[in-house]
Structure formats: structure tokens, C-alpha cells
Amino acid sequence: MTTTHFTAWLTTTTSALDQDNIDIVILEDELIGDPEAGDAAWACKGGIALFTGITNVPAEDGDHTKAKLEAEDLMRDAGWATVGAWDGVDTGYIVTVERV
């Protein structure tokens, strides 16, 4: 099992933003549980963001598909790539990312 794991958080909820557009933040995760027992999972470690970016998509009534594509472009330009599909969460979407 890998020892590092990163998640990109796409925030679409206006109350969770400090500006008007949808943003993207990459945070490192930490392993919780016991991998050998089969109950391992990743949880947000918090701390300093490894990458942040602001899309051109307004959070209020913005196109979430367009925001995801733009976020992927921003991350790619910064040396990150998505791994898998975006999952919906209360404040927007998350996806596993890796350095490229």
C-alpha cells in the first residue's frame, strides 16, 4: 500500500468560499485503520494546502462540469493529475490526485 495519498477538494458551496468562484485545493491524507486487517482508509490530514487554484466558474449557479474540467487543467499545469472519478461531498467534489 502506498504511504502517501492526496485529495483535491473542489469547493462549489458559496458559504465555504472566501471569494465568488469555485476553487480547488489539494491536501495530503493520512492512513487510518490497519491495512493488514483490511480496514485501512484515507482521511484528510489537513494542514497546509499543497496546491490552490481558483476557477473562472462562479460558485452561485455555476456549471460544475466546467469547473471540474478547469480544475483539472489548473492541477495539470501545476504537476498534478486526477486518479479516478470525482465524488460528490457536502461542499462540492473530491478526487484522488497524484504528482506527475
PDB file of N, CA and C in Angstrom:
ATOM      1  N   MET A   1       0.854  -1.183   0.000  1.00  0.00           N
ATOM      2  CA  MET A   1       0.000   0.000   0.000  1.00  0.00           C
ATOM      3  C   MET A   1       0.894   1.239   0.000  1.00  0.00           C
ATOM      4  N   THR A   2       0.495   2.224  -0.773  1.00  0.00           N
ATOM      5  CA  THR A   2       1.250   3.470  -0.855  1.00  0.00           C
ATOM      6  C   THR A   2       1.238   4.208   0.488  1.00  0.00           C
ATOM      7  N   THR A   3       2.301   4.966   0.728  1.00  0.00           N
ATOM      8  CA  THR A   3       2.392   5.673   2.007  1.00  0.00           C
ATOM      9  C   THR A   3       1.974   7.135   1.898  1.00  0.00           C
ATOM     10  N   THR A   4       1.757   7.624   0.684  1.00  0.00           N
ATOM     11  CA  THR A   4       1.268   8.990   0.516  1.00  0.00           C
ATOM     12  C   THR A   4       0.001   8.968  -0.317  1.00  0.00           C
ATOM     13  N   HIS A   5      -0.884   9.870   0.012  1.00  0.00           N
ATOM     14  CA  HIS A   5      -2.182   9.937  -0.670  1.00  0.00           C
ATOM     15  C   HIS A   5      -2.634  11.386  -0.627  1.00  0.00           C
ATOM     16  N   PHE A   6      -3.175  11.873  -1.746  1.00  0.00           N
ATOM     17  CA  PHE A   6      -3.587  13.258  -1.843  1.00  0.00           C
ATOM     18  C   PHE A   6      -4.999  13.346  -2.407  1.00  0.00           C
ATOM     19  N   THR A   7      -5.755  14.306  -1.912  1.00  0.00           N
ATOM     20  CA  THR A   7      -7.117  14.535  -2.389  1.00  0.00           C
ATOM     21  C   THR A   7      -7.271  15.979  -2.812  1.00  0.00           C
ATOM     22  N   ALA A   8      -7.913  16.174  -3.969  1.00  0.00           N
ATOM     23  CA  ALA A   8      -8.269  17.512  -4.435  1.00  0.00           C
ATOM     24  C   ALA A   8      -9.706  17.776  -4.025  1.00  0.00           C
ATOM     25  N   TRP A   9      -9.938  18.948  -3.446  1.00  0.00           N
ATOM     26  CA  TRP A   9     -11.252  19.372  -2.970  1.00  0.00           C
ATOM     27  C   TRP A   9     -11.734  20.526  -3.841  1.00  0.00           C
ATOM     28  N   LEU A  10     -12.781  20.289  -4.606  1.00  0.00           N
ATOM     29  CA  LEU A  10     -13.388  21.326  -5.443  1.00  0.00           C
ATOM     30  C   LEU A  10     -14.565  21.905  -4.659  1.00  0.00           C
ATOM     31  N   THR A  11     -14.448  23.142  -4.229  1.00  0.00           N
ATOM     32  CA  THR A  11     -15.482  23.757  -3.405  1.00  0.00           C
ATOM     33  C   THR A  11     -16.440  24.546  -4.271  1.00  0.00           C
ATOM     34  N   THR A  12     -17.721  24.141  -4.228  1.00  0.00           N
ATOM     35  CA  THR A  12     -18.768  24.779  -5.031  1.00  0.00           C
ATOM     36  C   THR A  12     -19.793  25.507  -4.173  1.00  0.00           C
ATOM     37  N   THR A  13     -19.757  25.298  -2.873  1.00  0.00           N
ATOM     38  CA  THR A  13     -20.714  25.895  -1.946  1.00  0.00           C
ATOM     39  C   THR A  13     -20.263  27.303  -1.579  1.00  0.00           C
ATOM     40  N   THR A  14     -21.110  28.282  -1.858  1.00  0.00           N
ATOM     41  CA  THR A  14     -20.726  29.686  -1.640  1.00  0.00           C
ATOM     42  C   THR A  14     -20.353  29.971  -0.191  1.00  0.00           C
ATOM     43  N   SER A  15     -21.016  29.335   0.767  1.00  0.00           N
ATOM     44  CA  SER A  15     -20.727  29.609   2.181  1.00  0.00           C
ATOM     45  C   SER A  15     -19.367  29.060   2.619  1.00  0.00           C
ATOM     46  N   ALA A  16     -18.753  28.206   1.816  1.00  0.00           N
ATOM     47  CA  ALA A  16     -17.453  27.634   2.157  1.00  0.00           C
ATOM     48  C   ALA A  16     -16.305  28.309   1.397  1.00  0.00           C
ATOM     49  N   LEU A  17     -16.627  29.358   0.650  1.00  0.00           N
ATOM     50  CA  LEU A  17     -15.622  30.062  -0.147  1.00  0.00           C
ATOM     51  C   LEU A  17     -15.375  31.462   0.398  1.00  0.00           C
ATOM     52  N   ASP A  18     -14.182  31.981   0.160  1.00  0.00           N
ATOM     53  CA  ASP A  18     -13.890  33.351   0.570  1.00  0.00           C
ATOM     54  C   ASP A  18     -13.834  34.298  -0.632  1.00  0.00           C
ATOM     55  N   GLN A  19     -14.318  33.834  -1.776  1.00  0.00           N
ATOM     56  CA  GLN A  19     -14.443  34.641  -2.985  1.00  0.00           C
ATOM     57  C   GLN A  19     -15.604  34.053  -3.806  1.00  0.00           C
ATOM     58  N   ASP A  20     -15.905  34.592  -4.965  1.00  0.00           N
ATOM     59  CA  ASP A  20     -17.127  34.234  -5.688  1.00  0.00           C
ATOM     60  C   ASP A  20     -17.038  33.003  -6.584  1.00  0.00           C
ATOM     61  N   ASN A  21     -15.833  32.571  -6.925  1.00  0.00           N
ATOM     62  CA  ASN A  21     -15.694  31.464  -7.871  1.00  0.00           C
ATOM     63  C   ASN A  21     -15.347  30.148  -7.191  1.00  0.00           C
ATOM     64  N   ILE A  22     -15.656  29.057  -7.874  1.00  0.00           N
ATOM     65  CA  ILE A  22     -15.332  27.709  -7.410  1.00  0.00           C
ATOM     66  C   ILE A  22     -13.813  27.576  -7.337  1.00  0.00           C
ATOM     67  N   ASP A  23     -13.317  26.973  -6.246  1.00  0.00           N
ATOM     68  CA  ASP A  23     -11.869  26.801  -6.134  1.00  0.00           C
ATOM     69  C   ASP A  23     -11.489  25.344  -5.940  1.00  0.00           C
ATOM     70  N   ILE A  24     -10.182  25.097  -6.075  1.00  0.00           N
ATOM     71  CA  ILE A  24      -9.631  23.759  -5.930  1.00  0.00           C
ATOM     72  C   ILE A  24      -8.454  23.815  -4.962  1.00  0.00           C
ATOM     73  N   VAL A  25      -8.393  22.847  -4.053  1.00  0.00           N
ATOM     74  CA  VAL A  25      -7.322  22.765  -3.055  1.00  0.00           C
ATOM     75  C   VAL A  25      -6.876  21.312  -2.978  1.00  0.00           C
ATOM     76  N   ILE A  26      -5.571  21.100  -2.945  1.00  0.00           N
ATOM     77  CA  ILE A  26      -5.043  19.741  -2.768  1.00  0.00           C
ATOM     78  C   ILE A  26      -4.448  19.635  -1.373  1.00  0.00           C
ATOM     79  N   LEU A  27      -4.886  18.593  -0.648  1.00  0.00           N
ATOM     80  CA  LEU A  27      -4.398  18.323   0.707  1.00  0.00           C
ATOM     81  C   LEU A  27      -3.877  16.898   0.791  1.00  0.00           C
ATOM     82  N   GLU A  28      -2.900  16.699   1.671  1.00  0.00           N
ATOM     83  CA  GLU A  28      -2.400  15.350   1.911  1.00  0.00           C
ATOM     84  C   GLU A  28      -3.346  14.628   2.873  1.00  0.00           C
ATOM     85  N   ASP A  29      -3.472  13.323   2.673  1.00  0.00           N
ATOM     86  CA  ASP A  29      -4.298  12.486   3.537  1.00  0.00           C
ATOM     87  C   ASP A  29      -3.402  11.638   4.434  1.00  0.00           C
ATOM     88  N   GLU A  30      -4.016  11.082   5.468  1.00  0.00           N
ATOM     89  CA  GLU A  30      -3.278  10.168   6.329  1.00  0.00           C
ATOM     90  C   GLU A  30      -4.011   8.835   6.395  1.00  0.00           C
ATOM     91  N   LEU A  31      -3.230   7.781   6.527  1.00  0.00           N
ATOM     92  CA  LEU A  31      -3.775   6.435   6.608  1.00  0.00           C
ATOM     93  C   LEU A  31      -4.357   6.214   7.997  1.00  0.00           C
ATOM     94  N   ILE A  32      -5.581   5.737   8.032  1.00  0.00           N
ATOM     95  CA  ILE A  32      -6.205   5.362   9.303  1.00  0.00           C
ATOM     96  C   ILE A  32      -6.619   3.901   9.202  1.00  0.00           C
ATOM     97  N   GLY A  33      -6.677   3.244  10.302  1.00  0.00           N
ATOM     98  CA  GLY A  33      -7.004   1.827  10.303  1.00  0.00           C
ATOM     99  C   GLY A  33      -5.772   0.970  10.070  1.00  0.00           C
ATOM    100  N   ASP A  34      -5.983  -0.323   9.940  1.00  0.00           N
ATOM    101  CA  ASP A  34      -4.899  -1.291   9.789  1.00  0.00           C
ATOM    102  C   ASP A  34      -4.988  -1.959   8.423  1.00  0.00           C
ATOM    103  N   PRO A  35      -4.044  -1.661   7.517  1.00  0.00           N
ATOM    104  CA  PRO A  35      -4.089  -2.268   6.188  1.00  0.00           C
ATOM    105  C   PRO A  35      -4.057  -3.799   6.219  1.00  0.00           C
ATOM    106  N   GLU A  36      -3.309  -4.358   7.159  1.00  0.00           N
ATOM    107  CA  GLU A  36      -3.209  -5.816   7.232  1.00  0.00           C
ATOM    108  C   GLU A  36      -4.510  -6.451   7.698  1.00  0.00           C
ATOM    109  N   ALA A  37      -5.321  -5.717   8.430  1.00  0.00           N
ATOM    110  CA  ALA A  37      -6.611  -6.234   8.890  1.00  0.00           C
ATOM    111  C   ALA A  37      -7.715  -5.952   7.869  1.00  0.00           C
ATOM    112  N   GLY A  38      -7.369  -5.220   6.806  1.00  0.00           N
ATOM    113  CA  GLY A  38      -8.352  -4.938   5.765  1.00  0.00           C
ATOM    114  C   GLY A  38      -9.269  -3.773   6.072  1.00  0.00           C
ATOM    115  N   ASP A  39      -8.945  -2.978   7.078  1.00  0.00           N
ATOM    116  CA  ASP A  39      -9.829  -1.856   7.424  1.00  0.00           C
ATOM    117  C   ASP A  39      -9.113  -0.505   7.289  1.00  0.00           C
ATOM    118  N   ALA A  40      -8.212  -0.418   6.312  1.00  0.00           N
ATOM    119  CA  ALA A  40      -7.479   0.827   6.090  1.00  0.00           C
ATOM    120  C   ALA A  40      -8.307   1.788   5.249  1.00  0.00           C
ATOM    121  N   ALA A  41      -8.134   3.059   5.522  1.00  0.00           N
ATOM    122  CA  ALA A  41      -8.802   4.106   4.752  1.00  0.00           C
ATOM    123  C   ALA A  41      -7.942   5.356   4.835  1.00  0.00           C
ATOM    124  N   TRP A  42      -8.252   6.321   3.974  1.00  0.00           N
ATOM    125  CA  TRP A  42      -7.544   7.595   3.986  1.00  0.00           C
ATOM    126  C   TRP A  42      -8.461   8.674   4.521  1.00  0.00           C
ATOM    127  N   ALA A  43      -7.905   9.575   5.316  1.00  0.00           N
ATOM    128  CA  ALA A  43      -8.657  10.704   5.865  1.00  0.00           C
ATOM    129  C   ALA A  43      -7.838  11.973   5.663  1.00  0.00           C
ATOM    130  N   CYS A  44      -8.519  13.072   5.498  1.00  0.00           N
ATOM    131  CA  CYS A  44      -7.846  14.349   5.278  1.00  0.00           C
ATOM    132  C   CYS A  44      -6.959  14.679   6.478  1.00  0.00           C
ATOM    133  N   LYS A  45      -5.697  14.912   6.192  1.00  0.00           N
ATOM    134  CA  LYS A  45      -4.726  15.252   7.226  1.00  0.00           C
ATOM    135  C   LYS A  45      -4.825  16.726   7.609  1.00  0.00           C
ATOM    136  N   GLY A  46      -5.317  17.535   6.672  1.00  0.00           N
ATOM    137  CA  GLY A  46      -5.396  18.969   6.923  1.00  0.00           C
ATOM    138  C   GLY A  46      -4.043  19.609   6.731  1.00  0.00           C
ATOM    139  N   GLY A  47      -3.828  20.708   7.371  1.00  0.00           N
ATOM    140  CA  GLY A  47      -2.551  21.379   7.257  1.00  0.00           C
ATOM    141  C   GLY A  47      -2.481  22.311   6.062  1.00  0.00           C
ATOM    142  N   ILE A  48      -1.275  22.559   5.609  1.00  0.00           N
ATOM    143  CA  ILE A  48      -1.038  23.495   4.520  1.00  0.00           C
ATOM    144  C   ILE A  48      -1.423  22.865   3.186  1.00  0.00           C
ATOM    145  N   ALA A  49      -2.128  23.623   2.367  1.00  0.00           N
ATOM    146  CA  ALA A  49      -2.513  23.149   1.042  1.00  0.00           C
ATOM    147  C   ALA A  49      -1.275  22.999   0.174  1.00  0.00           C
ATOM    148  N   LEU A  50      -1.213  21.907  -0.580  1.00  0.00           N
ATOM    149  CA  LEU A  50      -0.104  21.670  -1.489  1.00  0.00           C
ATOM    150  C   LEU A  50      -0.326  22.376  -2.823  1.00  0.00           C
ATOM    151  N   PHE A  51      -1.567  22.709  -3.112  1.00  0.00           N
ATOM    152  CA  PHE A  51      -1.918  23.463  -4.315  1.00  0.00           C
ATOM    153  C   PHE A  51      -3.263  24.133  -4.083  1.00  0.00           C
ATOM    154  N   THR A  52      -3.409  25.343  -4.569  1.00  0.00           N
ATOM    155  CA  THR A  52      -4.701  26.024  -4.567  1.00  0.00           C
ATOM    156  C   THR A  52      -4.882  26.718  -5.912  1.00  0.00           C
ATOM    157  N   GLY A  53      -6.105  26.789  -6.354  1.00  0.00           N
ATOM    158  CA  GLY A  53      -6.419  27.480  -7.594  1.00  0.00           C
ATOM    159  C   GLY A  53      -7.868  27.926  -7.588  1.00  0.00           C
ATOM    160  N   ILE A  54      -8.133  28.967  -8.332  1.00  0.00           N
ATOM    161  CA  ILE A  54      -9.497  29.489  -8.443  1.00  0.00           C
ATOM    162  C   ILE A  54      -9.926  29.378  -9.895  1.00  0.00           C
ATOM    163  N   THR A  55     -11.064  28.745 -10.111  1.00  0.00           N
ATOM    164  CA  THR A  55     -11.583  28.614 -11.472  1.00  0.00           C
ATOM    165  C   THR A  55     -12.254  29.923 -11.896  1.00  0.00           C
ATOM    166  N   ASN A  56     -12.626  29.992 -13.145  1.00  0.00           N
ATOM    167  CA  ASN A  56     -13.388  31.126 -13.667  1.00  0.00           C
ATOM    168  C   ASN A  56     -14.889  30.889 -13.577  1.00  0.00           C
ATOM    169  N   VAL A  57     -15.288  29.826 -12.911  1.00  0.00           N
ATOM    170  CA  VAL A  57     -16.689  29.436 -12.807  1.00  0.00           C
ATOM    171  C   VAL A  57     -17.275  29.983 -11.510  1.00  0.00           C
ATOM    172  N   PRO A  58     -18.350  30.775 -11.602  1.00  0.00           N
ATOM    173  CA  PRO A  58     -18.965  31.297 -10.384  1.00  0.00           C
ATOM    174  C   PRO A  58     -19.583  30.173  -9.545  1.00  0.00           C
ATOM    175  N   ALA A  59     -19.440  30.280  -8.236  1.00  0.00           N
ATOM    176  CA  ALA A  59     -19.992  29.260  -7.349  1.00  0.00           C
ATOM    177  C   ALA A  59     -21.519  29.286  -7.363  1.00  0.00           C
ATOM    178  N   GLU A  60     -22.082  30.463  -7.428  1.00  0.00           N
ATOM    179  CA  GLU A  60     -23.536  30.568  -7.443  1.00  0.00           C
ATOM    180  C   GLU A  60     -24.037  30.283  -8.858  1.00  0.00           C
ATOM    181  N   ASP A  61     -24.761  29.189  -8.996  1.00  0.00           N
ATOM    182  CA  ASP A  61     -25.354  28.763 -10.270  1.00  0.00           C
ATOM    183  C   ASP A  61     -24.316  28.441 -11.345  1.00  0.00           C
ATOM    184  N   GLY A  62     -23.086  28.125 -10.956  1.00  0.00           N
ATOM    185  CA  GLY A  62     -22.039  27.796 -11.919  1.00  0.00           C
ATOM    186  C   GLY A  62     -22.162  26.369 -12.432  1.00  0.00           C
ATOM    187  N   ASP A  63     -21.534  26.101 -13.557  1.00  0.00           N
ATOM    188  CA  ASP A  63     -21.525  24.791 -14.201  1.00  0.00           C
ATOM    189  C   ASP A  63     -20.443  23.928 -13.547  1.00  0.00           C
ATOM    190  N   HIS A  64     -20.854  22.937 -12.774  1.00  0.00           N
ATOM    191  CA  HIS A  64     -19.908  22.107 -12.037  1.00  0.00           C
ATOM    192  C   HIS A  64     -19.036  21.267 -12.960  1.00  0.00           C
ATOM    193  N   THR A  65     -19.577  20.815 -14.072  1.00  0.00           N
ATOM    194  CA  THR A  65     -18.777  20.041 -15.027  1.00  0.00           C
ATOM    195  C   THR A  65     -17.654  20.903 -15.587  1.00  0.00           C
ATOM    196  N   LYS A  66     -17.980  22.124 -15.956  1.00  0.00           N
ATOM    197  CA  LYS A  66     -16.968  23.060 -16.461  1.00  0.00           C
ATOM    198  C   LYS A  66     -15.921  23.340 -15.381  1.00  0.00           C
ATOM    199  N   ALA A  67     -16.356  23.490 -14.137  1.00  0.00           N
ATOM    200  CA  ALA A  67     -15.427  23.754 -13.034  1.00  0.00           C
ATOM    201  C   ALA A  67     -14.475  22.582 -12.830  1.00  0.00           C
ATOM    202  N   LYS A  68     -14.965  21.354 -12.922  1.00  0.00           N
ATOM    203  CA  LYS A  68     -14.105  20.185 -12.775  1.00  0.00           C
ATOM    204  C   LYS A  68     -13.051  20.146 -13.878  1.00  0.00           C
ATOM    205  N   LEU A  69     -13.473  20.398 -15.111  1.00  0.00           N
ATOM    206  CA  LEU A  69     -12.529  20.397 -16.227  1.00  0.00           C
ATOM    207  C   LEU A  69     -11.475  21.488 -16.063  1.00  0.00           C
ATOM    208  N   GLU A  70     -11.899  22.666 -15.661  1.00  0.00           N
ATOM    209  CA  GLU A  70     -10.965  23.765 -15.458  1.00  0.00           C
ATOM    210  C   GLU A  70     -10.019  23.454 -14.300  1.00  0.00           C
ATOM    211  N   ALA A  71     -10.544  22.865 -13.228  1.00  0.00           N
ATOM    212  CA  ALA A  71      -9.702  22.486 -12.087  1.00  0.00           C
ATOM    213  C   ALA A  71      -8.660  21.455 -12.511  1.00  0.00           C
ATOM    214  N   GLU A  72      -9.054  20.502 -13.353  1.00  0.00           N
ATOM    215  CA  GLU A  72      -8.107  19.502 -13.837  1.00  0.00           C
ATOM    216  C   GLU A  72      -6.997  20.166 -14.647  1.00  0.00           C
ATOM    217  N   ASP A  73      -7.344  21.170 -15.458  1.00  0.00           N
ATOM    218  CA  ASP A  73      -6.334  21.910 -16.219  1.00  0.00           C
ATOM    219  C   ASP A  73      -5.382  22.657 -15.279  1.00  0.00           C
ATOM    220  N   LEU A  74      -5.937  23.325 -14.260  1.00  0.00           N
ATOM    221  CA  LEU A  74      -5.109  24.055 -13.300  1.00  0.00           C
ATOM    222  C   LEU A  74      -4.149  23.109 -12.579  1.00  0.00           C
ATOM    223  N   MET A  75      -4.670  21.956 -12.159  1.00  0.00           N
ATOM    224  CA  MET A  75      -3.836  20.989 -11.450  1.00  0.00           C
ATOM    225  C   MET A  75      -2.761  20.416 -12.375  1.00  0.00           C
ATOM    226  N   ARG A  76      -3.147  20.098 -13.601  1.00  0.00           N
ATOM    227  CA  ARG A  76      -2.190  19.546 -14.558  1.00  0.00           C
ATOM    228  C   ARG A  76      -1.034  20.527 -14.800  1.00  0.00           C
ATOM    229  N   ASP A  77      -1.367  21.806 -14.945  1.00  0.00           N
ATOM    230  CA  ASP A  77      -0.334  22.829 -15.137  1.00  0.00           C
ATOM    231  C   ASP A  77       0.618  22.918 -13.939  1.00  0.00           C
ATOM    232  N   ALA A  78       0.145  22.514 -12.761  1.00  0.00           N
ATOM    233  CA  ALA A  78       0.949  22.555 -11.543  1.00  0.00           C
ATOM    234  C   ALA A  78       1.603  21.200 -11.224  1.00  0.00           C
ATOM    235  N   GLY A  79       1.445  20.215 -12.128  1.00  0.00           N
ATOM    236  CA  GLY A  79       2.091  18.928 -11.926  1.00  0.00           C
ATOM    237  C   GLY A  79       1.283  17.883 -11.195  1.00  0.00           C
ATOM    238  N   TRP A  80      -0.042  17.995 -11.238  1.00  0.00           N
ATOM    239  CA  TRP A  80      -0.933  17.031 -10.586  1.00  0.00           C
ATOM    240  C   TRP A  80      -1.887  16.421 -11.611  1.00  0.00           C
ATOM    241  N   ALA A  81      -2.291  15.175 -11.380  1.00  0.00           N
ATOM    242  CA  ALA A  81      -3.268  14.518 -12.253  1.00  0.00           C
ATOM    243  C   ALA A  81      -4.303  13.792 -11.402  1.00  0.00           C
ATOM    244  N   THR A  82      -5.537  13.776 -11.870  1.00  0.00           N
ATOM    245  CA  THR A  82      -6.590  13.061 -11.154  1.00  0.00           C
ATOM    246  C   THR A  82      -6.414  11.561 -11.344  1.00  0.00           C
ATOM    247  N   VAL A  83      -6.852  10.812 -10.334  1.00  0.00           N
ATOM    248  CA  VAL A  83      -6.829   9.354 -10.365  1.00  0.00           C
ATOM    249  C   VAL A  83      -8.235   8.901 -10.024  1.00  0.00           C
ATOM    250  N   GLY A  84      -8.991   8.486 -11.006  1.00  0.00           N
ATOM    251  CA  GLY A  84     -10.354   8.064 -10.757  1.00  0.00           C
ATOM    252  C   GLY A  84     -11.351   9.173 -11.032  1.00  0.00           C
ATOM    253  N   ALA A  85     -12.541   8.982 -10.508  1.00  0.00           N
ATOM    254  CA  ALA A  85     -13.659   9.890 -10.773  1.00  0.00           C
ATOM    255  C   ALA A  85     -13.911  10.812  -9.591  1.00  0.00           C
ATOM    256  N   TRP A  86     -14.516  11.961  -9.893  1.00  0.00           N
ATOM    257  CA  TRP A  86     -14.924  12.909  -8.856  1.00  0.00           C
ATOM    258  C   TRP A  86     -16.082  12.310  -8.069  1.00  0.00           C
ATOM    259  N   ASP A  87     -16.075  12.517  -6.755  1.00  0.00           N
ATOM    260  CA  ASP A  87     -17.170  12.096  -5.873  1.00  0.00           C
ATOM    261  C   ASP A  87     -17.796  13.328  -5.240  1.00  0.00           C
ATOM    262  N   GLY A  88     -19.113  13.354  -5.153  1.00  0.00           N
ATOM    263  CA  GLY A  88     -19.807  14.461  -4.518  1.00  0.00           C
ATOM    264  C   GLY A  88     -19.675  14.412  -3.005  1.00  0.00           C
ATOM    265  N   VAL A  89     -19.450  15.588  -2.397  1.00  0.00           N
ATOM    266  CA  VAL A  89     -19.431  15.757  -0.941  1.00  0.00           C
ATOM    267  C   VAL A  89     -20.287  16.975  -0.612  1.00  0.00           C
ATOM    268  N   ASP A  90     -20.490  17.253   0.657  1.00  0.00           N
ATOM    269  CA  ASP A  90     -21.373  18.347   1.071  1.00  0.00           C
ATOM    270  C   ASP A  90     -21.002  19.708   0.493  1.00  0.00           C
ATOM    271  N   THR A  91     -19.705  19.973   0.329  1.00  0.00           N
ATOM    272  CA  THR A  91     -19.274  21.293  -0.131  1.00  0.00           C
ATOM    273  C   THR A  91     -18.874  21.339  -1.603  1.00  0.00           C
ATOM    274  N   GLY A  92     -18.985  20.223  -2.310  1.00  0.00           N
ATOM    275  CA  GLY A  92     -18.618  20.167  -3.723  1.00  0.00           C
ATOM    276  C   GLY A  92     -18.244  18.781  -4.169  1.00  0.00           C
ATOM    277  N   TYR A  93     -16.962  18.595  -4.518  1.00  0.00           N
ATOM    278  CA  TYR A  93     -16.485  17.318  -5.051  1.00  0.00           C
ATOM    279  C   TYR A  93     -15.064  17.063  -4.586  1.00  0.00           C
ATOM    280  N   ILE A  94     -14.701  15.768  -4.526  1.00  0.00           N
ATOM    281  CA  ILE A  94     -13.325  15.371  -4.227  1.00  0.00           C
ATOM    282  C   ILE A  94     -12.872  14.357  -5.263  1.00  0.00           C
ATOM    283  N   VAL A  95     -11.552  14.284  -5.442  1.00  0.00           N
ATOM    284  CA  VAL A  95     -10.957  13.268  -6.303  1.00  0.00           C
ATOM    285  C   VAL A  95      -9.535  13.016  -5.817  1.00  0.00           C
ATOM    286  N   THR A  96      -9.110  11.773  -5.908  1.00  0.00           N
ATOM    287  CA  THR A  96      -7.733  11.437  -5.592  1.00  0.00           C
ATOM    288  C   THR A  96      -6.839  11.985  -6.689  1.00  0.00           C
ATOM    289  N   VAL A  97      -5.693  12.538  -6.301  1.00  0.00           N
ATOM    290  CA  VAL A  97      -4.729  13.071  -7.250  1.00  0.00           C
ATOM    291  C   VAL A  97      -3.338  12.538  -6.933  1.00  0.00           C
ATOM    292  N   GLU A  98      -2.464  12.619  -7.941  1.00  0.00           N
ATOM    293  CA  GLU A  98      -1.074  12.234  -7.749  1.00  0.00           C
ATOM    294  C   GLU A  98      -0.177  13.216  -8.480  1.00  0.00           C
ATOM    295  N   ARG A  99       1.060  13.286  -8.023  1.00  0.00           N
ATOM    296  CA  ARG A  99       2.035  14.141  -8.694  1.00  0.00           C
ATOM    297  C   ARG A  99       2.484  13.454  -9.979  1.00  0.00           C
ATOM    298  N   VAL A 100       2.660  14.257 -11.020  1.00  0.00           N
ATOM    299  CA  VAL A 100       3.132  13.702 -12.299  1.00  0.00           C
ATOM    300  C   VAL A 100       4.454  14.303 -12.684  1.00  0.00           C
TER     301      VAL A 100
END
